[in-house]
Amino acid sequence: MEKKKAKNIGIPGIESPSDVCEDINCPFHGKISVRGRIFRGVVESIKPSKTAIIKWERRVYFPKYERFEKRFTKVNAHRPSCLHIKEGDFVIIGECRPISKTKKFVIIGKVGENERA
């Protein structure tokens, strides 16, 4: 059987993984296309099958108190097996078509230690 070559998903700075997977919802080896918004966050949980819960911080300004408040956003994202994601990893996720009722994002890469900001 011939190994499938990873395709370029067209996002600058995102490299294709060296591993191969048979996942149809993988942006590199499957038929999912990434379009729309792109976020960076930390993997909070990988307990659901082929899913990761990604969390990131945003700041909201309150004019009355002239202060900022931290708020967090959590989304479910598809976890391709070729990326080897673990809890605590910093990742980049991209918007795609709805994969299930709650999954509308897919993980497209890990963020290096020096690129966390």
PDB file of N, CA and C in Angstrom:
ATOM      1  N   MET A   1       0.835  -1.180   0.000  1.00  0.00           N
ATOM      2  CA  MET A   1       0.000   0.000   0.000  1.00  0.00           C
ATOM      3  C   MET A   1       0.884   1.249   0.000  1.00  0.00           C
ATOM      4  N   GLU A   2       0.541   2.214  -0.802  1.00  0.00           N
ATOM      5  CA  GLU A   2       1.322   3.429  -0.934  1.00  0.00           C
ATOM      6  C   GLU A   2       0.952   4.403   0.180  1.00  0.00           C
ATOM      7  N   LYS A   3       1.967   5.038   0.773  1.00  0.00           N
ATOM      8  CA  LYS A   3       1.716   6.002   1.838  1.00  0.00           C
ATOM      9  C   LYS A   3       1.205   7.299   1.238  1.00  0.00           C
ATOM     10  N   LYS A   4       0.226   7.891   1.907  1.00  0.00           N
ATOM     11  CA  LYS A   4      -0.357   9.143   1.473  1.00  0.00           C
ATOM     12  C   LYS A   4       0.547  10.297   1.873  1.00  0.00           C
ATOM     13  N   LYS A   5       0.848  11.168   0.955  1.00  0.00           N
ATOM     14  CA  LYS A   5       1.668  12.327   1.249  1.00  0.00           C
ATOM     15  C   LYS A   5       0.798  13.408   1.879  1.00  0.00           C
ATOM     16  N   ALA A   6       1.331  14.076   2.880  1.00  0.00           N
ATOM     17  CA  ALA A   6       0.590  15.144   3.543  1.00  0.00           C
ATOM     18  C   ALA A   6       0.486  16.344   2.617  1.00  0.00           C
ATOM     19  N   LYS A   7      -0.716  16.910   2.521  1.00  0.00           N
ATOM     20  CA  LYS A   7      -0.908  18.060   1.646  1.00  0.00           C
ATOM     21  C   LYS A   7      -0.646  19.356   2.402  1.00  0.00           C
ATOM     22  N   ASN A   8      -0.367  20.394   1.674  1.00  0.00           N
ATOM     23  CA  ASN A   8      -0.161  21.726   2.225  1.00  0.00           C
ATOM     24  C   ASN A   8      -1.532  22.353   2.422  1.00  0.00           C
ATOM     25  N   ILE A   9      -1.849  22.809   3.646  1.00  0.00           N
ATOM     26  CA  ILE A   9      -3.178  23.347   3.904  1.00  0.00           C
ATOM     27  C   ILE A   9      -3.274  24.843   3.607  1.00  0.00           C
ATOM     28  N   GLY A  10      -2.189  25.466   3.194  1.00  0.00           N
ATOM     29  CA  GLY A  10      -2.227  26.845   2.728  1.00  0.00           C
ATOM     30  C   GLY A  10      -2.165  27.899   3.804  1.00  0.00           C
ATOM     31  N   ILE A  11      -1.725  27.541   5.011  1.00  0.00           N
ATOM     32  CA  ILE A  11      -1.594  28.516   6.089  1.00  0.00           C
ATOM     33  C   ILE A  11      -0.109  28.723   6.351  1.00  0.00           C
ATOM     34  N   PRO A  12       0.391  29.959   6.204  1.00  0.00           N
ATOM     35  CA  PRO A  12       1.830  30.202   6.410  1.00  0.00           C
ATOM     36  C   PRO A  12       2.262  29.845   7.828  1.00  0.00           C
ATOM     37  N   GLY A  13       3.411  29.221   7.940  1.00  0.00           N
ATOM     38  CA  GLY A  13       3.972  28.858   9.235  1.00  0.00           C
ATOM     39  C   GLY A  13       3.519  27.511   9.761  1.00  0.00           C
ATOM     40  N   ILE A  14       2.602  26.845   9.076  1.00  0.00           N
ATOM     41  CA  ILE A  14       2.130  25.528   9.505  1.00  0.00           C
ATOM     42  C   ILE A  14       2.773  24.476   8.617  1.00  0.00           C
ATOM     43  N   GLU A  15       3.549  23.585   9.242  1.00  0.00           N
ATOM     44  CA  GLU A  15       4.219  22.533   8.497  1.00  0.00           C
ATOM     45  C   GLU A  15       3.416  21.240   8.582  1.00  0.00           C
ATOM     46  N   SER A  16       3.488  20.449   7.529  1.00  0.00           N
ATOM     47  CA  SER A  16       2.798  19.166   7.500  1.00  0.00           C
ATOM     48  C   SER A  16       3.500  18.175   8.426  1.00  0.00           C
ATOM     49  N   PRO A  17       2.744  17.310   9.123  1.00  0.00           N
ATOM     50  CA  PRO A  17       3.380  16.330  10.013  1.00  0.00           C
ATOM     51  C   PRO A  17       4.091  15.247   9.218  1.00  0.00           C
ATOM     52  N   SER A  18       5.110  14.656   9.845  1.00  0.00           N
ATOM     53  CA  SER A  18       5.868  13.596   9.180  1.00  0.00           C
ATOM     54  C   SER A  18       5.140  12.254   9.254  1.00  0.00           C
ATOM     55  N   ASP A  19       4.292  12.068  10.269  1.00  0.00           N
ATOM     56  CA  ASP A  19       3.535  10.826  10.403  1.00  0.00           C
ATOM     57  C   ASP A  19       2.346  10.814   9.440  1.00  0.00           C
ATOM     58  N   VAL A  20       1.857   9.621   9.162  1.00  0.00           N
ATOM     59  CA  VAL A  20       0.711   9.439   8.272  1.00  0.00           C
ATOM     60  C   VAL A  20      -0.453   8.900   9.091  1.00  0.00           C
ATOM     61  N   CYS A  21      -1.664   9.383   8.805  1.00  0.00           N
ATOM     62  CA  CYS A  21      -2.848   8.864   9.475  1.00  0.00           C
ATOM     63  C   CYS A  21      -3.931   8.566   8.439  1.00  0.00           C
ATOM     64  N   GLU A  22      -4.890   7.759   8.819  1.00  0.00           N
ATOM     65  CA  GLU A  22      -5.988   7.380   7.935  1.00  0.00           C
ATOM     66  C   GLU A  22      -7.276   8.122   8.285  1.00  0.00           C
ATOM     67  N   ASP A  23      -7.161   9.205   9.050  1.00  0.00           N
ATOM     68  CA  ASP A  23      -8.320   9.957   9.519  1.00  0.00           C
ATOM     69  C   ASP A  23      -8.903  10.788   8.375  1.00  0.00           C
ATOM     70  N   ILE A  24     -10.190  10.629   8.108  1.00  0.00           N
ATOM     71  CA  ILE A  24     -10.834  11.376   7.025  1.00  0.00           C
ATOM     72  C   ILE A  24     -11.023  12.848   7.397  1.00  0.00           C
ATOM     73  N   ASN A  25     -10.994  13.168   8.707  1.00  0.00           N
ATOM     74  CA  ASN A  25     -11.155  14.547   9.170  1.00  0.00           C
ATOM     75  C   ASN A  25      -9.828  15.227   9.493  1.00  0.00           C
ATOM     76  N   CYS A  26      -8.726  14.665   9.025  1.00  0.00           N
ATOM     77  CA  CYS A  26      -7.410  15.288   9.199  1.00  0.00           C
ATOM     78  C   CYS A  26      -7.222  16.329   8.100  1.00  0.00           C
ATOM     79  N   PRO A  27      -6.790  17.548   8.430  1.00  0.00           N
ATOM     80  CA  PRO A  27      -6.603  18.556   7.378  1.00  0.00           C
ATOM     81  C   PRO A  27      -5.434  18.243   6.446  1.00  0.00           C
ATOM     82  N   PHE A  28      -4.485  17.406   6.886  1.00  0.00           N
ATOM     83  CA  PHE A  28      -3.313  17.085   6.082  1.00  0.00           C
ATOM     84  C   PHE A  28      -3.497  15.827   5.240  1.00  0.00           C
ATOM     85  N   HIS A  29      -4.242  14.828   5.760  1.00  0.00           N
ATOM     86  CA  HIS A  29      -4.390  13.545   5.064  1.00  0.00           C
ATOM     87  C   HIS A  29      -5.832  13.234   4.667  1.00  0.00           C
ATOM     88  N   GLY A  30      -6.782  14.020   5.133  1.00  0.00           N
ATOM     89  CA  GLY A  30      -8.193  13.759   4.873  1.00  0.00           C
ATOM     90  C   GLY A  30      -8.802  14.796   3.944  1.00  0.00           C
ATOM     91  N   LYS A  31     -10.106  14.982   4.090  1.00  0.00           N
ATOM     92  CA  LYS A  31     -10.846  15.852   3.188  1.00  0.00           C
ATOM     93  C   LYS A  31     -11.340  17.132   3.848  1.00  0.00           C
ATOM     94  N   ILE A  32     -10.902  17.433   5.069  1.00  0.00           N
ATOM     95  CA  ILE A  32     -11.333  18.653   5.757  1.00  0.00           C
ATOM     96  C   ILE A  32     -10.503  19.831   5.250  1.00  0.00           C
ATOM     97  N   SER A  33     -11.169  20.950   4.957  1.00  0.00           N
ATOM     98  CA  SER A  33     -10.456  22.170   4.593  1.00  0.00           C
ATOM     99  C   SER A  33     -10.590  23.168   5.732  1.00  0.00           C
ATOM    100  N   VAL A  34      -9.511  23.873   6.000  1.00  0.00           N
ATOM    101  CA  VAL A  34      -9.477  24.858   7.076  1.00  0.00           C
ATOM    102  C   VAL A  34      -9.745  26.223   6.464  1.00  0.00           C
ATOM    103  N   ARG A  35     -10.771  26.898   7.000  1.00  0.00           N
ATOM    104  CA  ARG A  35     -11.094  28.243   6.546  1.00  0.00           C
ATOM    105  C   ARG A  35     -11.719  28.973   7.711  1.00  0.00           C
ATOM    106  N   GLY A  36     -11.623  30.280   7.709  1.00  0.00           N
ATOM    107  CA  GLY A  36     -12.205  31.057   8.797  1.00  0.00           C
ATOM    108  C   GLY A  36     -11.156  31.458   9.822  1.00  0.00           C
ATOM    109  N   ARG A  37     -11.544  31.458  11.080  1.00  0.00           N
ATOM    110  CA  ARG A  37     -10.700  31.975  12.147  1.00  0.00           C
ATOM    111  C   ARG A  37      -9.686  30.946  12.622  1.00  0.00           C
ATOM    112  N   ILE A  38      -8.573  31.457  13.136  1.00  0.00           N
ATOM    113  CA  ILE A  38      -7.493  30.621  13.668  1.00  0.00           C
ATOM    114  C   ILE A  38      -7.176  31.135  15.073  1.00  0.00           C
ATOM    115  N   PHE A  39      -7.048  30.207  16.031  1.00  0.00           N
ATOM    116  CA  PHE A  39      -6.776  30.561  17.413  1.00  0.00           C
ATOM    117  C   PHE A  39      -5.606  29.755  17.942  1.00  0.00           C
ATOM    118  N   ARG A  40      -4.994  30.278  19.024  1.00  0.00           N
ATOM    119  CA  ARG A  40      -3.968  29.554  19.769  1.00  0.00           C
ATOM    120  C   ARG A  40      -4.489  29.326  21.171  1.00  0.00           C
ATOM    121  N   GLY A  41      -4.244  28.147  21.699  1.00  0.00           N
ATOM    122  CA  GLY A  41      -4.707  27.846  23.048  1.00  0.00           C
ATOM    123  C   GLY A  41      -3.970  26.658  23.620  1.00  0.00           C
ATOM    124  N   VAL A  42      -4.378  26.279  24.818  1.00  0.00           N
ATOM    125  CA  VAL A  42      -3.757  25.157  25.512  1.00  0.00           C
ATOM    126  C   VAL A  42      -4.765  24.015  25.561  1.00  0.00           C
ATOM    127  N   VAL A  43      -4.267  22.786  25.430  1.00  0.00           N
ATOM    128  CA  VAL A  43      -5.127  21.606  25.474  1.00  0.00           C
ATOM    129  C   VAL A  43      -5.462  21.328  26.934  1.00  0.00           C
ATOM    130  N   GLU A  44      -6.750  21.413  27.257  1.00  0.00           N
ATOM    131  CA  GLU A  44      -7.188  21.192  28.628  1.00  0.00           C
ATOM    132  C   GLU A  44      -7.510  19.727  28.889  1.00  0.00           C
ATOM    133  N   SER A  45      -8.081  19.045  27.884  1.00  0.00           N
ATOM    134  CA  SER A  45      -8.466  17.649  28.074  1.00  0.00           C
ATOM    135  C   SER A  45      -8.455  16.930  26.727  1.00  0.00           C
ATOM    136  N   ILE A  46      -8.091  15.642  26.753  1.00  0.00           N
ATOM    137  CA  ILE A  46      -8.164  14.816  25.544  1.00  0.00           C
ATOM    138  C   ILE A  46      -8.967  13.554  25.822  1.00  0.00           C
ATOM    139  N   LYS A  47      -9.841  13.600  26.821  1.00  0.00           N
ATOM    140  CA  LYS A  47     -10.612  12.417  27.201  1.00  0.00           C
ATOM    141  C   LYS A  47     -11.614  11.976  26.142  1.00  0.00           C
ATOM    142  N   PRO A  48     -12.349  12.884  25.489  1.00  0.00           N
ATOM    143  CA  PRO A  48     -13.251  12.395  24.436  1.00  0.00           C
ATOM    144  C   PRO A  48     -12.457  11.803  23.267  1.00  0.00           C
ATOM    145  N   SER A  49     -13.019  10.815  22.612  1.00  0.00           N
ATOM    146  CA  SER A  49     -12.334  10.140  21.516  1.00  0.00           C
ATOM    147  C   SER A  49     -12.133  11.088  20.328  1.00  0.00           C
ATOM    148  N   LYS A  50     -10.898  11.196  19.850  1.00  0.00           N
ATOM    149  CA  LYS A  50     -10.514  12.027  18.709  1.00  0.00           C
ATOM    150  C   LYS A  50     -10.878  13.494  18.893  1.00  0.00           C
ATOM    151  N   THR A  51     -10.995  13.940  20.139  1.00  0.00           N
ATOM    152  CA  THR A  51     -11.383  15.315  20.436  1.00  0.00           C
ATOM    153  C   THR A  51     -10.458  15.884  21.495  1.00  0.00           C
ATOM    154  N   ALA A  52     -10.197  17.177  21.407  1.00  0.00           N
ATOM    155  CA  ALA A  52      -9.450  17.880  22.439  1.00  0.00           C
ATOM    156  C   ALA A  52     -10.244  19.114  22.836  1.00  0.00           C
ATOM    157  N   ILE A  53     -10.220  19.441  24.118  1.00  0.00           N
ATOM    158  CA  ILE A  53     -10.865  20.649  24.599  1.00  0.00           C
ATOM    159  C   ILE A  53      -9.776  21.705  24.735  1.00  0.00           C
ATOM    160  N   ILE A  54      -9.917  22.781  23.959  1.00  0.00           N
ATOM    161  CA  ILE A  54      -8.909  23.839  23.891  1.00  0.00           C
ATOM    162  C   ILE A  54      -9.426  25.058  24.654  1.00  0.00           C
ATOM    163  N   LYS A  55      -8.541  25.685  25.428  1.00  0.00           N
ATOM    164  CA  LYS A  55      -8.917  26.831  26.245  1.00  0.00           C
ATOM    165  C   LYS A  55      -7.929  27.963  25.996  1.00  0.00           C
ATOM    166  N   TRP A  56      -8.456  29.190  25.879  1.00  0.00           N
ATOM    167  CA  TRP A  56      -7.581  30.357  25.794  1.00  0.00           C
ATOM    168  C   TRP A  56      -8.204  31.525  26.543  1.00  0.00           C
ATOM    169  N   GLU A  57      -7.369  32.481  26.898  1.00  0.00           N
ATOM    170  CA  GLU A  57      -7.772  33.621  27.712  1.00  0.00           C
ATOM    171  C   GLU A  57      -8.066  34.828  26.829  1.00  0.00           C
ATOM    172  N   ARG A  58      -9.085  35.570  27.222  1.00  0.00           N
ATOM    173  CA  ARG A  58      -9.352  36.861  26.580  1.00  0.00           C
ATOM    174  C   ARG A  58      -9.606  37.863  27.681  1.00  0.00           C
ATOM    175  N   ARG A  59      -9.434  39.145  27.377  1.00  0.00           N
ATOM    176  CA  ARG A  59      -9.597  40.186  28.385  1.00  0.00           C
ATOM    177  C   ARG A  59     -10.747  41.092  27.989  1.00  0.00           C
ATOM    178  N   VAL A  60     -11.610  41.393  28.961  1.00  0.00           N
ATOM    179  CA  VAL A  60     -12.784  42.230  28.742  1.00  0.00           C
ATOM    180  C   VAL A  60     -12.644  43.477  29.600  1.00  0.00           C
ATOM    181  N   TYR A  61     -12.851  44.637  28.982  1.00  0.00           N
ATOM    182  CA  TYR A  61     -12.707  45.909  29.686  1.00  0.00           C
ATOM    183  C   TYR A  61     -14.029  46.318  30.311  1.00  0.00           C
ATOM    184  N   PHE A  62     -13.986  46.762  31.592  1.00  0.00           N
ATOM    185  CA  PHE A  62     -15.155  47.291  32.280  1.00  0.00           C
ATOM    186  C   PHE A  62     -14.961  48.784  32.491  1.00  0.00           C
ATOM    187  N   PRO A  63     -15.710  49.622  31.750  1.00  0.00           N
ATOM    188  CA  PRO A  63     -15.524  51.079  31.864  1.00  0.00           C
ATOM    189  C   PRO A  63     -15.827  51.621  33.265  1.00  0.00           C
ATOM    190  N   LYS A  64     -16.808  51.049  33.944  1.00  0.00           N
ATOM    191  CA  LYS A  64     -17.192  51.548  35.263  1.00  0.00           C
ATOM    192  C   LYS A  64     -16.022  51.477  36.247  1.00  0.00           C
ATOM    193  N   TYR A  65     -15.305  50.379  36.210  1.00  0.00           N
ATOM    194  CA  TYR A  65     -14.187  50.181  37.139  1.00  0.00           C
ATOM    195  C   TYR A  65     -12.832  50.493  36.518  1.00  0.00           C
ATOM    196  N   GLU A  66     -12.827  50.804  35.227  1.00  0.00           N
ATOM    197  CA  GLU A  66     -11.594  51.096  34.488  1.00  0.00           C
ATOM    198  C   GLU A  66     -10.568  49.984  34.669  1.00  0.00           C
ATOM    199  N   ARG A  67     -11.030  48.763  34.551  1.00  0.00           N
ATOM    200  CA  ARG A  67     -10.170  47.598  34.734  1.00  0.00           C
ATOM    201  C   ARG A  67     -10.502  46.551  33.663  1.00  0.00           C
ATOM    202  N   PHE A  68      -9.607  45.607  33.534  1.00  0.00           N
ATOM    203  CA  PHE A  68      -9.821  44.470  32.657  1.00  0.00           C
ATOM    204  C   PHE A  68     -10.143  43.243  33.500  1.00  0.00           C
ATOM    205  N   GLU A  69     -10.948  42.342  32.927  1.00  0.00           N
ATOM    206  CA  GLU A  69     -11.266  41.088  33.580  1.00  0.00           C
ATOM    207  C   GLU A  69     -10.825  39.952  32.662  1.00  0.00           C
ATOM    208  N   LYS A  70     -10.259  38.896  33.261  1.00  0.00           N
ATOM    209  CA  LYS A  70      -9.884  37.722  32.479  1.00  0.00           C
ATOM    210  C   LYS A  70     -11.104  36.848  32.286  1.00  0.00           C
ATOM    211  N   ARG A  71     -11.321  36.417  31.051  1.00  0.00           N
ATOM    212  CA  ARG A  71     -12.351  35.431  30.763  1.00  0.00           C
ATOM    213  C   ARG A  71     -11.728  34.366  29.881  1.00  0.00           C
ATOM    214  N   PHE A  72     -12.318  33.183  29.920  1.00  0.00           N
ATOM    215  CA  PHE A  72     -11.766  32.066  29.169  1.00  0.00           C
ATOM    216  C   PHE A  72     -12.780  31.550  28.164  1.00  0.00           C
ATOM    217  N   THR A  73     -12.279  31.122  27.022  1.00  0.00           N
ATOM    218  CA  THR A  73     -13.096  30.505  25.989  1.00  0.00           C
ATOM    219  C   THR A  73     -12.644  29.060  25.848  1.00  0.00           C
ATOM    220  N   LYS A  74     -13.613  28.142  25.816  1.00  0.00           N
ATOM    221  CA  LYS A  74     -13.314  26.723  25.626  1.00  0.00           C
ATOM    222  C   LYS A  74     -14.083  26.214  24.411  1.00  0.00           C
ATOM    223  N   VAL A  75     -13.383  25.509  23.528  1.00  0.00           N
ATOM    224  CA  VAL A  75     -14.030  24.908  22.366  1.00  0.00           C
ATOM    225  C   VAL A  75     -13.546  23.470  22.210  1.00  0.00           C
ATOM    226  N   ASN A  76     -14.369  22.666  21.550  1.00  0.00           N
ATOM    227  CA  ASN A  76     -13.986  21.306  21.199  1.00  0.00           C
ATOM    228  C   ASN A  76     -13.360  21.341  19.811  1.00  0.00           C
ATOM    229  N   ALA A  77     -12.252  20.636  19.644  1.00  0.00           N
ATOM    230  CA  ALA A  77     -11.568  20.582  18.357  1.00  0.00           C
ATOM    231  C   ALA A  77     -11.221  19.141  18.032  1.00  0.00           C
ATOM    232  N   HIS A  78     -11.250  18.817  16.743  1.00  0.00           N
ATOM    233  CA  HIS A  78     -10.873  17.476  16.305  1.00  0.00           C
ATOM    234  C   HIS A  78      -9.374  17.295  16.472  1.00  0.00           C
ATOM    235  N   ARG A  79      -8.969  16.111  16.946  1.00  0.00           N
ATOM    236  CA  ARG A  79      -7.560  15.818  17.222  1.00  0.00           C
ATOM    237  C   ARG A  79      -7.072  14.744  16.265  1.00  0.00           C
ATOM    238  N   PRO A  80      -6.367  15.130  15.169  1.00  0.00           N
ATOM    239  CA  PRO A  80      -5.830  14.117  14.256  1.00  0.00           C
ATOM    240  C   PRO A  80      -4.753  13.281  14.951  1.00  0.00           C
ATOM    241  N   SER A  81      -4.710  11.993  14.632  1.00  0.00           N
ATOM    242  CA  SER A  81      -3.759  11.101  15.296  1.00  0.00           C
ATOM    243  C   SER A  81      -2.319  11.347  14.862  1.00  0.00           C
ATOM    244  N   CYS A  82      -2.107  11.981  13.715  1.00  0.00           N
ATOM    245  CA  CYS A  82      -0.748  12.199  13.220  1.00  0.00           C
ATOM    246  C   CYS A  82      -0.007  13.313  13.963  1.00  0.00           C
ATOM    247  N   LEU A  83      -0.690  14.103  14.789  1.00  0.00           N
ATOM    248  CA  LEU A  83      -0.048  15.217  15.483  1.00  0.00           C
ATOM    249  C   LEU A  83       0.413  14.873  16.893  1.00  0.00           C
ATOM    250  N   HIS A  84      -0.065  13.772  17.492  1.00  0.00           N
ATOM    251  CA  HIS A  84       0.347  13.322  18.827  1.00  0.00           C
ATOM    252  C   HIS A  84       0.202  14.433  19.874  1.00  0.00           C
ATOM    253  N   ILE A  85      -1.018  14.883  20.088  1.00  0.00           N
ATOM    254  CA  ILE A  85      -1.320  15.948  21.033  1.00  0.00           C
ATOM    255  C   ILE A  85      -1.530  15.348  22.424  1.00  0.00           C
ATOM    256  N   LYS A  86      -0.986  16.037  23.457  1.00  0.00           N
ATOM    257  CA  LYS A  86      -1.161  15.639  24.848  1.00  0.00           C
ATOM    258  C   LYS A  86      -1.779  16.806  25.618  1.00  0.00           C
ATOM    259  N   GLU A  87      -2.275  16.523  26.823  1.00  0.00           N
ATOM    260  CA  GLU A  87      -2.801  17.583  27.675  1.00  0.00           C
ATOM    261  C   GLU A  87      -1.669  18.534  28.049  1.00  0.00           C
ATOM    262  N   GLY A  88      -1.956  19.832  28.022  1.00  0.00           N
ATOM    263  CA  GLY A  88      -0.964  20.842  28.366  1.00  0.00           C
ATOM    264  C   GLY A  88      -0.197  21.389  27.173  1.00  0.00           C
ATOM    265  N   ASP A  89      -0.353  20.797  25.993  1.00  0.00           N
ATOM    266  CA  ASP A  89       0.326  21.294  24.798  1.00  0.00           C
ATOM    267  C   ASP A  89      -0.313  22.594  24.326  1.00  0.00           C
ATOM    268  N   PHE A  90       0.507  23.496  23.803  1.00  0.00           N
ATOM    269  CA  PHE A  90       0.006  24.703  23.166  1.00  0.00           C
ATOM    270  C   PHE A  90      -0.187  24.393  21.689  1.00  0.00           C
ATOM    271  N   VAL A  91      -1.386  24.653  21.174  1.00  0.00           N
ATOM    272  CA  VAL A  91      -1.727  24.260  19.814  1.00  0.00           C
ATOM    273  C   VAL A  91      -2.352  25.427  19.054  1.00  0.00           C
ATOM    274  N   ILE A  92      -2.412  25.258  17.736  1.00  0.00           N
ATOM    275  CA  ILE A  92      -3.102  26.180  16.852  1.00  0.00           C
ATOM    276  C   ILE A  92      -4.299  25.422  16.291  1.00  0.00           C
ATOM    277  N   ILE A  93      -5.484  26.041  16.361  1.00  0.00           N
ATOM    278  CA  ILE A  93      -6.680  25.409  15.823  1.00  0.00           C
ATOM    279  C   ILE A  93      -7.263  26.304  14.736  1.00  0.00           C
ATOM    280  N   GLY A  94      -7.878  25.677  13.745  1.00  0.00           N
ATOM    281  CA  GLY A  94      -8.489  26.409  12.644  1.00  0.00           C
ATOM    282  C   GLY A  94      -9.938  26.008  12.487  1.00  0.00           C
ATOM    283  N   GLU A  95     -10.740  26.948  12.025  1.00  0.00           N
ATOM    284  CA  GLU A  95     -12.164  26.693  11.822  1.00  0.00           C
ATOM    285  C   GLU A  95     -12.362  25.849  10.570  1.00  0.00           C
ATOM    286  N   CYS A  96     -13.329  24.964  10.619  1.00  0.00           N
ATOM    287  CA  CYS A  96     -13.647  24.107   9.484  1.00  0.00           C
ATOM    288  C   CYS A  96     -15.160  23.889   9.462  1.00  0.00           C
ATOM    289  N   ARG A  97     -15.618  23.046   8.557  1.00  0.00           N
ATOM    290  CA  ARG A  97     -17.047  22.739   8.534  1.00  0.00           C
ATOM    291  C   ARG A  97     -17.408  21.961   9.795  1.00  0.00           C
ATOM    292  N   PRO A  98     -18.669  21.948  10.204  1.00  0.00           N
ATOM    293  CA  PRO A  98     -19.035  21.186  11.406  1.00  0.00           C
ATOM    294  C   PRO A  98     -18.755  19.688  11.236  1.00  0.00           C
ATOM    295  N   ILE A  99     -17.960  19.138  12.157  1.00  0.00           N
ATOM    296  CA  ILE A  99     -17.639  17.714  12.145  1.00  0.00           C
ATOM    297  C   ILE A  99     -18.681  16.949  12.947  1.00  0.00           C
ATOM    298  N   SER A 100     -19.174  17.550  14.026  1.00  0.00           N
ATOM    299  CA  SER A 100     -20.236  16.964  14.834  1.00  0.00           C
ATOM    300  C   SER A 100     -21.040  18.115  15.434  1.00  0.00           C
ATOM    301  N   LYS A 101     -21.884  17.808  16.395  1.00  0.00           N
ATOM    302  CA  LYS A 101     -22.742  18.838  16.991  1.00  0.00           C
ATOM    303  C   LYS A 101     -21.922  19.948  17.653  1.00  0.00           C
ATOM    304  N   THR A 102     -20.817  19.600  18.291  1.00  0.00           N
ATOM    305  CA  THR A 102     -20.035  20.598  19.024  1.00  0.00           C
ATOM    306  C   THR A 102     -18.668  20.886  18.415  1.00  0.00           C
ATOM    307  N   LYS A 103     -18.201  20.095  17.464  1.00  0.00           N
ATOM    308  CA  LYS A 103     -16.856  20.277  16.904  1.00  0.00           C
ATOM    309  C   LYS A 103     -16.921  21.051  15.592  1.00  0.00           C
ATOM    310  N   LYS A 104     -16.359  22.258  15.606  1.00  0.00           N
ATOM    311  CA  LYS A 104     -16.287  23.082  14.408  1.00  0.00           C
ATOM    312  C   LYS A 104     -14.866  23.581  14.164  1.00  0.00           C
ATOM    313  N   PHE A 105     -13.902  23.010  14.903  1.00  0.00           N
ATOM    314  CA  PHE A 105     -12.497  23.367  14.775  1.00  0.00           C
ATOM    315  C   PHE A 105     -11.674  22.096  14.656  1.00  0.00           C
ATOM    316  N   VAL A 106     -10.472  22.230  14.102  1.00  0.00           N
ATOM    317  CA  VAL A 106      -9.548  21.117  13.979  1.00  0.00           C
ATOM    318  C   VAL A 106      -8.155  21.618  14.369  1.00  0.00           C
ATOM    319  N   ILE A 107      -7.390  20.776  15.063  1.00  0.00           N
ATOM    320  CA  ILE A 107      -6.023  21.137  15.448  1.00  0.00           C
ATOM    321  C   ILE A 107      -5.149  21.049  14.207  1.00  0.00           C
ATOM    322  N   ILE A 108      -4.384  22.117  13.940  1.00  0.00           N
ATOM    323  CA  ILE A 108      -3.539  22.130  12.749  1.00  0.00           C
ATOM    324  C   ILE A 108      -2.054  22.149  13.082  1.00  0.00           C
ATOM    325  N   GLY A 109      -1.694  22.265  14.355  1.00  0.00           N
ATOM    326  CA  GLY A 109      -0.277  22.209  14.695  1.00  0.00           C
ATOM    327  C   GLY A 109      -0.004  22.525  16.145  1.00  0.00           C
ATOM    328  N   LYS A 110       1.199  22.149  16.581  1.00  0.00           N
ATOM    329  CA  LYS A 110       1.674  22.490  17.913  1.00  0.00           C
ATOM    330  C   LYS A 110       2.434  23.805  17.839  1.00  0.00           C
ATOM    331  N   VAL A 111       2.407  24.553  18.928  1.00  0.00           N
ATOM    332  CA  VAL A 111       3.146  25.806  19.017  1.00  0.00           C
ATOM    333  C   VAL A 111       4.411  25.524  19.798  1.00  0.00           C
ATOM    334  N   GLY A 112       5.546  26.008  19.292  1.00  0.00           N
ATOM    335  CA  GLY A 112       6.809  25.793  19.981  1.00  0.00           C
ATOM    336  C   GLY A 112       6.871  26.576  21.273  1.00  0.00           C
ATOM    337  N   GLU A 113       7.865  26.249  22.100  1.00  0.00           N
ATOM    338  CA  GLU A 113       8.037  26.897  23.404  1.00  0.00           C
ATOM    339  C   GLU A 113       8.250  28.407  23.271  1.00  0.00           C
ATOM    340  N   ASN A 114       8.951  28.829  22.208  1.00  0.00           N
ATOM    341  CA  ASN A 114       9.258  30.248  22.042  1.00  0.00           C
ATOM    342  C   ASN A 114       8.157  31.011  21.325  1.00  0.00           C
ATOM    343  N   GLU A 115       7.091  30.350  20.881  1.00  0.00           N
ATOM    344  CA  GLU A 115       6.026  31.004  20.126  1.00  0.00           C
ATOM    345  C   GLU A 115       4.709  31.062  20.890  1.00  0.00           C
ATOM    346  N   ARG A 116       4.741  30.893  22.197  1.00  0.00           N
ATOM    347  CA  ARG A 116       3.498  30.802  22.975  1.00  0.00           C
ATOM    348  C   ARG A 116       2.738  32.106  23.034  1.00  0.00           C
ATOM    349  N   ALA A 117       3.381  33.215  22.934  1.00  0.00           N
ATOM    350  CA  ALA A 117       2.701  34.516  23.113  1.00  0.00           C
ATOM    351  C   ALA A 117       1.664  34.770  22.055  1.00  0.00           C
TER     352      ALA A 117
END
